C-alpha atoms as a PDB file:
ATOM      1  CA  MET A   1     203.421 142.782 215.605  1.00  0.00           C
ATOM      2  CA  TYR A   2     199.760 141.143 215.273  1.00  0.00           C
ATOM      3  CA  LYS A   3     198.007 140.080 218.294  1.00  0.00           C
ATOM      4  CA  LYS A   4     195.260 137.939 219.862  1.00  0.00           C
ATOM      5  CA  THR A   5     192.124 138.723 217.508  1.00  0.00           C
ATOM      6  CA  LYS A   6     188.439 139.166 218.657  1.00  0.00           C
ATOM      7  CA  MET A   7     186.853 139.266 215.161  1.00  0.00           C
ATOM      8  CA  ILE A   8     188.213 138.264 211.765  1.00  0.00           C
ATOM      9  CA  ILE A   9     186.615 139.754 208.860  1.00  0.00           C
ATOM     10  CA  PHE A  10     186.493 137.482 205.744  1.00  0.00           C
ATOM     11  CA  ASP A  11     186.437 138.871 201.903  1.00  0.00           C
ATOM     12  CA  TYR A  12     184.016 136.784 199.660  1.00  0.00           C
ATOM     13  CA  GLY A  13     185.321 136.000 196.433  1.00  0.00           C
ATOM     14  CA  HIS A  14     188.584 133.821 195.910  1.00  0.00           C
ATOM     15  CA  THR A  15     188.618 133.921 199.709  1.00  0.00           C
ATOM     16  CA  LEU A  16     185.980 132.111 201.214  1.00  0.00           C
ATOM     17  CA  VAL A  17     184.860 130.710 197.819  1.00  0.00           C
ATOM     18  CA  TYR A  18     185.957 130.355 194.363  1.00  0.00           C
ATOM     19  CA  GLU A  19     183.911 131.003 191.198  1.00  0.00           C
ATOM     20  CA  ASP A  20     184.017 129.354 187.558  1.00  0.00           C
ATOM     21  CA  LYS A  21     185.177 131.399 185.105  1.00  0.00           C
ATOM     22  CA  TRP A  22     181.966 133.925 184.156  1.00  0.00           C
ATOM     23  CA  ASP A  23     179.712 132.905 181.142  1.00  0.00           C
ATOM     24  CA  GLY A  24     177.425 135.548 180.606  1.00  0.00           C
ATOM     25  CA  GLU A  25     175.817 133.293 177.716  1.00  0.00           C
ATOM     26  CA  LYS A  26     174.414 130.561 180.026  1.00  0.00           C
ATOM     27  CA  GLY A  27     173.584 133.142 182.785  1.00  0.00           C
ATOM     28  CA  GLN A  28     171.409 134.814 180.369  1.00  0.00           C
ATOM     29  CA  LYS A  29     170.267 131.470 178.922  1.00  0.00           C
ATOM     30  CA  ALA A  30     168.819 130.387 182.375  1.00  0.00           C
ATOM     31  CA  LEU A  31     167.067 133.534 182.623  1.00  0.00           C
ATOM     32  CA  LEU A  32     165.325 133.146 179.263  1.00  0.00           C
ATOM     33  CA  GLU A  33     163.510 130.116 180.903  1.00  0.00           C
ATOM     34  CA  TYR A  34     161.170 132.829 182.690  1.00  0.00           C
ATOM     35  CA  CYS A  35     161.104 135.210 179.943  1.00  0.00           C
ATOM     36  CA  VAL A  36     157.498 136.250 179.257  1.00  0.00           C
ATOM     37  CA  TYR A  37     157.819 138.869 176.739  1.00  0.00           C
ATOM     38  CA  ASN A  38     160.972 138.721 174.127  1.00  0.00           C
ATOM     39  CA  LYS A  39     159.769 141.714 171.626  1.00  0.00           C
ATOM     40  CA  ASN A  40     162.726 140.878 169.486  1.00  0.00           C
ATOM     41  CA  ASN A  41     163.418 137.672 169.959  1.00  0.00           C
ATOM     42  CA  LEU A  42     166.789 138.088 171.364  1.00  0.00           C
ATOM     43  CA  THR A  43     168.967 135.123 171.688  1.00  0.00           C
ATOM     44  CA  ALA A  44     171.054 134.528 175.113  1.00  0.00           C
ATOM     45  CA  LYS A  45     174.278 135.300 173.199  1.00  0.00           C
ATOM     46  CA  GLN A  46     172.668 138.481 172.066  1.00  0.00           C
ATOM     47  CA  ILE A  47     171.818 139.854 175.633  1.00  0.00           C
ATOM     48  CA  ALA A  48     174.775 138.654 177.133  1.00  0.00           C
ATOM     49  CA  ASP A  49     177.292 140.269 174.896  1.00  0.00           C
ATOM     50  CA  PHE A  50     174.668 143.540 175.547  1.00  0.00           C
ATOM     51  CA  SER A  51     175.102 143.118 179.154  1.00  0.00           C
ATOM     52  CA  ASP A  52     178.787 142.557 179.437  1.00  0.00           C
ATOM     53  CA  ASN A  53     179.536 145.218 176.989  1.00  0.00           C
ATOM     54  CA  LEU A  54     177.570 147.477 179.213  1.00  0.00           C
ATOM     55  CA  PHE A  55     178.976 146.239 182.157  1.00  0.00           C
ATOM     56  CA  ILE A  56     182.874 147.025 180.930  1.00  0.00           C
ATOM     57  CA  THR A  57     181.697 150.504 180.281  1.00  0.00           C
ATOM     58  CA  SER A  58     180.178 151.093 183.512  1.00  0.00           C
ATOM     59  CA  ASN A  59     182.759 149.336 185.492  1.00  0.00           C
ATOM     60  CA  ALA A  60     184.926 152.931 185.269  1.00  0.00           C
ATOM     61  CA  GLY A  61     182.244 153.967 188.027  1.00  0.00           C
ATOM     62  CA  ARG A  62     183.403 151.184 190.266  1.00  0.00           C
ATOM     63  CA  LYS A  63     186.723 151.591 189.949  1.00  0.00           C
ATOM     64  CA  SER A  64     186.491 154.972 191.403  1.00  0.00           C
ATOM     65  CA  GLY A  65     185.023 153.349 194.666  1.00  0.00           C
ATOM     66  CA  ILE A  66     181.204 153.390 194.158  1.00  0.00           C
ATOM     67  CA  GLU A  67     179.467 150.470 193.610  1.00  0.00           C
ATOM     68  CA  PHE A  68     176.212 149.594 191.578  1.00  0.00           C
ATOM     69  CA  GLN A  69     173.163 147.227 192.332  1.00  0.00           C
ATOM     70  CA  GLU A  70     173.116 144.362 190.167  1.00  0.00           C
ATOM     71  CA  HIS A  71     169.089 143.900 190.056  1.00  0.00           C
ATOM     72  CA  LYS A  72     169.111 147.631 189.044  1.00  0.00           C
ATOM     73  CA  PHE A  73     171.461 146.917 186.263  1.00  0.00           C
ATOM     74  CA  GLN A  74     169.605 143.906 185.015  1.00  0.00           C
ATOM     75  CA  LYS A  75     166.261 145.974 185.013  1.00  0.00           C
ATOM     76  CA  PHE A  76     167.869 148.476 182.640  1.00  0.00           C
ATOM     77  CA  ILE A  77     169.039 145.535 180.600  1.00  0.00           C
ATOM     78  CA  GLU A  78     165.550 144.102 180.444  1.00  0.00           C
ATOM     79  CA  GLU A  79     163.545 147.107 179.603  1.00  0.00           C
ATOM     80  CA  TYR A  80     165.741 148.286 177.199  1.00  0.00           C
ATOM     81  CA  LEU A  81     165.987 145.558 175.171  1.00  0.00           C
ATOM     82  CA  GLN A  82     162.178 145.112 176.038  1.00  0.00           C
ATOM     83  CA  ILE A  83     162.523 141.792 177.436  1.00  0.00           C
ATOM     84  CA  LYS A  84     160.487 140.612 180.658  1.00  0.00           C
ATOM     85  CA  ILE A  85     161.607 137.948 183.247  1.00  0.00           C
ATOM     86  CA  ASN A  86     158.845 136.695 185.257  1.00  0.00           C
ATOM     87  CA  LEU A  87     161.149 136.647 188.805  1.00  0.00           C
ATOM     88  CA  ILE A  88     161.506 138.929 191.539  1.00  0.00           C
ATOM     89  CA  PRO A  89     164.759 140.602 191.759  1.00  0.00           C
ATOM     90  CA  VAL A  90     166.469 138.454 193.920  1.00  0.00           C
ATOM     91  CA  GLU A  91     165.260 135.464 192.397  1.00  0.00           C
ATOM     92  CA  ARG A  92     166.753 136.825 188.837  1.00  0.00           C
ATOM     93  CA  GLU A  93     169.987 137.426 190.693  1.00  0.00           C
ATOM     94  CA  GLU A  94     170.279 134.067 192.270  1.00  0.00           C
ATOM     95  CA  ILE A  95     169.665 131.843 188.866  1.00  0.00           C
ATOM     96  CA  TYR A  96     171.477 134.229 186.915  1.00  0.00           C
ATOM     97  CA  TRP A  97     174.759 134.127 189.579  1.00  0.00           C
ATOM     98  CA  ASP A  98     174.170 130.214 189.795  1.00  0.00           C
ATOM     99  CA  ASN A  99     174.430 129.891 185.965  1.00  0.00           C
ATOM    100  CA  VAL A 100     176.955 132.380 185.163  1.00  0.00           C
ATOM    101  CA  SER A 101     179.381 131.862 187.566  1.00  0.00           C
ATOM    102  CA  PRO A 102     179.469 128.553 189.925  1.00  0.00           C
ATOM    103  CA  ALA A 103     180.915 128.686 193.073  1.00  0.00           C
ATOM    104  CA  HIS A 104     182.782 126.282 195.473  1.00  0.00           C
ATOM    105  CA  ALA A 105     184.295 126.544 199.265  1.00  0.00           C
ATOM    106  CA  MET A 106     188.229 127.212 199.184  1.00  0.00           C
ATOM    107  CA  PRO A 107     189.720 124.487 200.784  1.00  0.00           C
ATOM    108  CA  ASN A 108     189.994 124.118 204.468  1.00  0.00           C
ATOM    109  CA  ILE A 109     187.838 126.943 204.839  1.00  0.00           C
ATOM    110  CA  LYS A 110     185.089 124.939 206.634  1.00  0.00           C
ATOM    111  CA  GLU A 111     187.494 123.569 209.310  1.00  0.00           C
ATOM    112  CA  THR A 112     188.852 127.265 209.949  1.00  0.00           C
ATOM    113  CA  LEU A 113     185.353 128.491 210.666  1.00  0.00           C
ATOM    114  CA  ASP A 114     184.723 125.694 212.906  1.00  0.00           C
ATOM    115  CA  TYR A 115     188.126 126.709 214.772  1.00  0.00           C
ATOM    116  CA  LEU A 116     187.103 130.145 214.908  1.00  0.00           C
ATOM    117  CA  TYR A 117     183.723 129.475 216.238  1.00  0.00           C
ATOM    118  CA  GLU A 118     185.175 126.834 219.103  1.00  0.00           C
ATOM    119  CA  ASN A 119     187.630 129.379 220.218  1.00  0.00           C
ATOM    120  CA  ASN A 120     185.129 132.346 220.430  1.00  0.00           C
ATOM    121  CA  ILE A 121     186.556 134.333 217.580  1.00  0.00           C
ATOM    122  CA  ARG A 122     184.031 136.124 215.868  1.00  0.00           C
ATOM    123  CA  THR A 123     183.512 136.488 212.138  1.00  0.00           C
ATOM    124  CA  ALA A 124     181.954 138.277 209.393  1.00  0.00           C
ATOM    125  CA  VAL A 125     182.106 139.444 205.625  1.00  0.00           C
ATOM    126  CA  ILE A 126     183.003 142.553 203.631  1.00  0.00           C
ATOM    127  CA  SER A 127     182.451 142.034 199.835  1.00  0.00           C
ATOM    128  CA  ASN A 128     183.018 144.312 196.972  1.00  0.00           C
ATOM    129  CA  ILE A 129     180.074 143.072 194.833  1.00  0.00           C
ATOM    130  CA  ALA A 130     177.116 144.467 192.490  1.00  0.00           C
ATOM    131  CA  PHE A 131     174.806 141.508 193.877  1.00  0.00           C
ATOM    132  CA  SER A 132     172.550 142.084 196.700  1.00  0.00           C
ATOM    133  CA  GLY A 133     173.468 141.475 200.237  1.00  0.00           C
ATOM    134  CA  GLU A 134     170.449 138.843 200.124  1.00  0.00           C
ATOM    135  CA  ALA A 135     171.806 137.079 197.179  1.00  0.00           C
ATOM    136  CA  LEU A 136     175.146 137.032 198.837  1.00  0.00           C
ATOM    137  CA  LYS A 137     173.719 135.866 202.043  1.00  0.00           C
ATOM    138  CA  ASN A 138     172.014 133.021 200.369  1.00  0.00           C
ATOM    139  CA  ARG A 139     174.889 132.107 198.376  1.00  0.00           C
ATOM    140  CA  ILE A 140     177.277 131.985 201.601  1.00  0.00           C
ATOM    141  CA  ASN A 141     174.978 130.201 203.655  1.00  0.00           C
ATOM    142  CA  LYS A 142     174.159 127.408 200.391  1.00  0.00           C
ATOM    143  CA  ILE A 143     178.195 126.873 200.427  1.00  0.00           C
ATOM    144  CA  LEU A 144     179.062 127.386 203.941  1.00  0.00           C
ATOM    145  CA  PRO A 145     176.190 126.159 205.944  1.00  0.00           C
ATOM    146  CA  GLY A 146     176.096 126.342 209.635  1.00  0.00           C
ATOM    147  CA  ASN A 147     178.471 129.620 209.189  1.00  0.00           C
ATOM    148  CA  LYS A 148     177.976 132.155 212.267  1.00  0.00           C
ATOM    149  CA  PHE A 149     178.852 135.127 210.479  1.00  0.00           C
ATOM    150  CA  GLU A 150     177.745 137.842 212.612  1.00  0.00           C
ATOM    151  CA  PHE A 151     177.075 140.255 209.342  1.00  0.00           C
ATOM    152  CA  ILE A 152     177.921 140.295 205.890  1.00  0.00           C
ATOM    153  CA  ILE A 153     178.279 143.363 204.236  1.00  0.00           C
ATOM    154  CA  ALA A 154     177.491 143.676 200.283  1.00  0.00           C
ATOM    155  CA  SER A 155     179.142 146.766 198.872  1.00  0.00           C
ATOM    156  CA  SER A 156     175.948 147.003 196.596  1.00  0.00           C
ATOM    157  CA  GLU A 157     173.816 147.975 199.635  1.00  0.00           C
ATOM    158  CA  TYR A 158     176.477 150.459 200.963  1.00  0.00           C
ATOM    159  CA  VAL A 159     177.430 152.373 197.922  1.00  0.00           C
ATOM    160  CA  PHE A 160     181.380 152.309 198.889  1.00  0.00           C
ATOM    161  CA  ARG A 161     183.822 149.846 197.869  1.00  0.00           C
ATOM    162  CA  LYS A 162     186.947 148.510 199.348  1.00  0.00           C
ATOM    163  CA  PRO A 163     189.723 149.946 199.585  1.00  0.00           C
ATOM    164  CA  ASN A 164     187.444 153.124 200.949  1.00  0.00           C
ATOM    165  CA  LYS A 165     187.998 152.736 204.431  1.00  0.00           C
ATOM    166  CA  LEU A 166     184.267 153.754 205.454  1.00  0.00           C
ATOM    167  CA  ILE A 167     183.167 150.567 204.383  1.00  0.00           C
ATOM    168  CA  PHE A 168     185.710 149.127 206.921  1.00  0.00           C
ATOM    169  CA  GLU A 169     184.790 151.214 209.605  1.00  0.00           C
ATOM    170  CA  LEU A 170     181.003 150.568 208.902  1.00  0.00           C
ATOM    171  CA  ALA A 171     182.117 146.917 210.054  1.00  0.00           C
ATOM    172  CA  LEU A 172     183.928 148.147 213.058  1.00  0.00           C
ATOM    173  CA  ASN A 173     180.935 150.070 214.129  1.00  0.00           C
ATOM    174  CA  LYS A 174     178.817 146.950 213.620  1.00  0.00           C
ATOM    175  CA  ALA A 175     181.056 144.815 215.652  1.00  0.00           C
ATOM    176  CA  ASN A 176     181.224 147.501 218.387  1.00  0.00           C
ATOM    177  CA  LEU A 177     184.975 146.813 218.106  1.00  0.00           C
ATOM    178  CA  ASP A 178     188.412 148.929 217.875  1.00  0.00           C
ATOM    179  CA  ALA A 179     190.084 148.310 214.669  1.00  0.00           C
ATOM    180  CA  GLY A 180     193.204 146.668 216.749  1.00  0.00           C
ATOM    181  CA  ASP A 181     190.836 144.136 217.728  1.00  0.00           C
ATOM    182  CA  VAL A 182     190.052 142.795 214.292  1.00  0.00           C
ATOM    183  CA  TRP A 183     191.839 141.007 211.525  1.00  0.00           C
ATOM    184  CA  TYR A 184     190.609 141.318 207.759  1.00  0.00           C
ATOM    185  CA  CYS A 185     191.484 138.240 205.530  1.00  0.00           C
ATOM    186  CA  GLY A 186     191.154 138.948 201.687  1.00  0.00           C
ATOM    187  CA  ASP A 187     193.035 137.745 198.334  1.00  0.00           C
ATOM    188  CA  SER A 188     193.548 141.391 196.880  1.00  0.00           C
ATOM    189  CA  VAL A 189     196.217 143.394 198.292  1.00  0.00           C
ATOM    190  CA  GLU A 190     194.774 146.873 196.749  1.00  0.00           C
ATOM    191  CA  PHE A 191     191.333 146.460 197.957  1.00  0.00           C
ATOM    192  CA  ASP A 192     191.711 143.754 200.884  1.00  0.00           C
ATOM    193  CA  VAL A 193     195.324 144.241 202.450  1.00  0.00           C
ATOM    194  CA  GLU A 194     195.956 147.827 201.924  1.00  0.00           C
ATOM    195  CA  GLY A 195     192.018 148.817 202.796  1.00  0.00           C
ATOM    196  CA  ALA A 196     192.108 146.991 205.776  1.00  0.00           C
ATOM    197  CA  ASN A 197     195.640 148.536 206.783  1.00  0.00           C
ATOM    198  CA  ASN A 198     194.251 152.088 206.120  1.00  0.00           C
ATOM    199  CA  ALA A 199     191.596 151.644 208.372  1.00  0.00           C
ATOM    200  CA  GLY A 200     193.771 150.365 210.940  1.00  0.00           C
ATOM    201  CA  ILE A 201     192.910 146.826 210.870  1.00  0.00           C
ATOM    202  CA  PHE A 202     195.468 143.608 210.705  1.00  0.00           C
ATOM    203  CA  PRO A 203     195.607 142.493 207.319  1.00  0.00           C
ATOM    204  CA  VAL A 204     195.858 138.886 206.346  1.00  0.00           C
ATOM    205  CA  TRP A 205     196.561 138.195 202.677  1.00  0.00           C
ATOM    206  CA  TYR A 206     195.057 135.161 201.412  1.00  0.00           C
ATOM    207  CA  GLU A 207     196.977 134.126 198.323  1.00  0.00           C
ATOM    208  CA  SER A 208     195.263 130.358 196.873  1.00  0.00           C
ATOM    209  CA  GLU A 209     197.128 128.244 194.571  1.00  0.00           C
ATOM    210  CA  ILE A 210     193.837 128.210 192.933  1.00  0.00           C
ATOM    211  CA  GLU A 211     193.624 130.275 189.699  1.00  0.00           C
ATOM    212  CA  CYS A 212     191.533 133.455 189.799  1.00  0.00           C
ATOM    213  CA  PRO A 213     189.489 133.981 186.720  1.00  0.00           C
ATOM    214  CA  TYR A 214     189.523 137.554 186.783  1.00  0.00           C
ATOM    215  CA  ARG A 215     193.107 138.775 187.866  1.00  0.00           C
ATOM    216  CA  GLU A 216     196.285 137.716 186.166  1.00  0.00           C
ATOM    217  CA  SER A 217     198.489 135.505 187.936  1.00  0.00           C
ATOM    218  CA  GLY A 218     201.863 137.437 189.701  1.00  0.00           C
ATOM    219  CA  SER A 219     200.352 140.798 188.963  1.00  0.00           C
ATOM    220  CA  GLN A 220     200.337 141.575 192.885  1.00  0.00           C
ATOM    221  CA  LYS A 221     203.117 143.344 194.670  1.00  0.00           C
ATOM    222  CA  THR A 222     204.051 142.204 198.243  1.00  0.00           C
ATOM    223  CA  PRO A 223     203.013 145.091 200.540  1.00  0.00           C
ATOM    224  CA  ASP A 224     205.507 147.082 202.433  1.00  0.00           C
ATOM    225  CA  PHE A 225     203.928 147.123 205.677  1.00  0.00           C
ATOM    226  CA  GLU A 226     203.297 144.704 208.260  1.00  0.00           C
ATOM    227  CA  HIS A 227     200.740 141.711 207.157  1.00  0.00           C
ATOM    228  CA  LEU A 228     200.208 138.053 207.563  1.00  0.00           C
ATOM    229  CA  HIS A 229     200.861 136.147 204.080  1.00  0.00           C
ATOM    230  CA  ILE A 230     199.021 132.947 204.018  1.00  0.00           C
ATOM    231  CA  HIS A 231     198.430 130.390 201.027  1.00  0.00           C
ATOM    232  CA  ASP A 232     196.495 127.919 203.116  1.00  0.00           C
ATOM    233  CA  TRP A 233     193.731 128.399 205.702  1.00  0.00           C
ATOM    234  CA  ARG A 234     195.232 126.007 208.121  1.00  0.00           C
ATOM    235  CA  GLU A 235     198.107 128.250 208.197  1.00  0.00           C
ATOM    236  CA  LEU A 236     195.915 130.573 209.822  1.00  0.00           C
ATOM    237  CA  ILE A 237     194.551 128.238 212.544  1.00  0.00           C
ATOM    238  CA  LYS A 238     198.523 127.772 213.529  1.00  0.00           C
ATOM    239  CA  ILE A 239     198.856 131.372 214.034  1.00  0.00           C
ATOM    240  CA  ALA A 240     195.389 132.029 215.715  1.00  0.00           C
ATOM    241  CA  GLU A 241     196.377 128.815 218.226  1.00  0.00           C
ATOM    242  CA  TYR A 242     200.248 130.494 218.768  1.00  0.00           C
ATOM    243  CA  TYR A 243     198.683 133.837 219.743  1.00  0.00           C
ATOM    244  CA  LYS A 244     195.739 132.661 221.697  1.00  0.00           C
ATOM    245  CA  ASN A 245     197.556 132.486 225.073  1.00  0.00           C
ATOM    246  CA  VAL A 246     199.948 135.358 223.771  1.00  0.00           C
END
């Protein structure tokens, strides 16, 4: 049975925030505002089509558990297509990301984080994401100002992706905690729930009613091991409050 926790680690996408459906053309259009060289006068749609198709092809590597970095991906695209965008890598990432898929705080997550802070429950983030750790941190800080995440792990910075238990063990090392003292919350059964469980961390499956743009509704199977299944972050407050004095 789950017990009082010293730290709760969160997934990012569709857990702390939800993002609008991906629109590659909007992202490339925003970047073209900073374009200083475009040899073939490519349109935002042409660049987006190339980028999206290339991402689908290269995604096989990500499915094997290895992450690539978005800024290197964009560097290849720009040099291959003979385009020059006059931005430093993190600026390029953030402008692209903000336009391709704007993000919003999940309902009641701010209230839940405040409760955890007030009750001295530590927090952190592990995300499977190609965007850099700096871009991810900046986005989280913009959407959830005042958060007290001790660290934010972006898989792009560490090669390995969830559900590989190495990235969970990395978080435990950073926190200097045993697996039994930590809960992990995420929306994906495969990456978050099973990944945490395999690392000995108690998993919390957060299944929002907000439609996920990258996963088919009803496609996930209920895990056959002990876990907590919630649909509203206020449920986590109730559970944590109950076990606070146990």
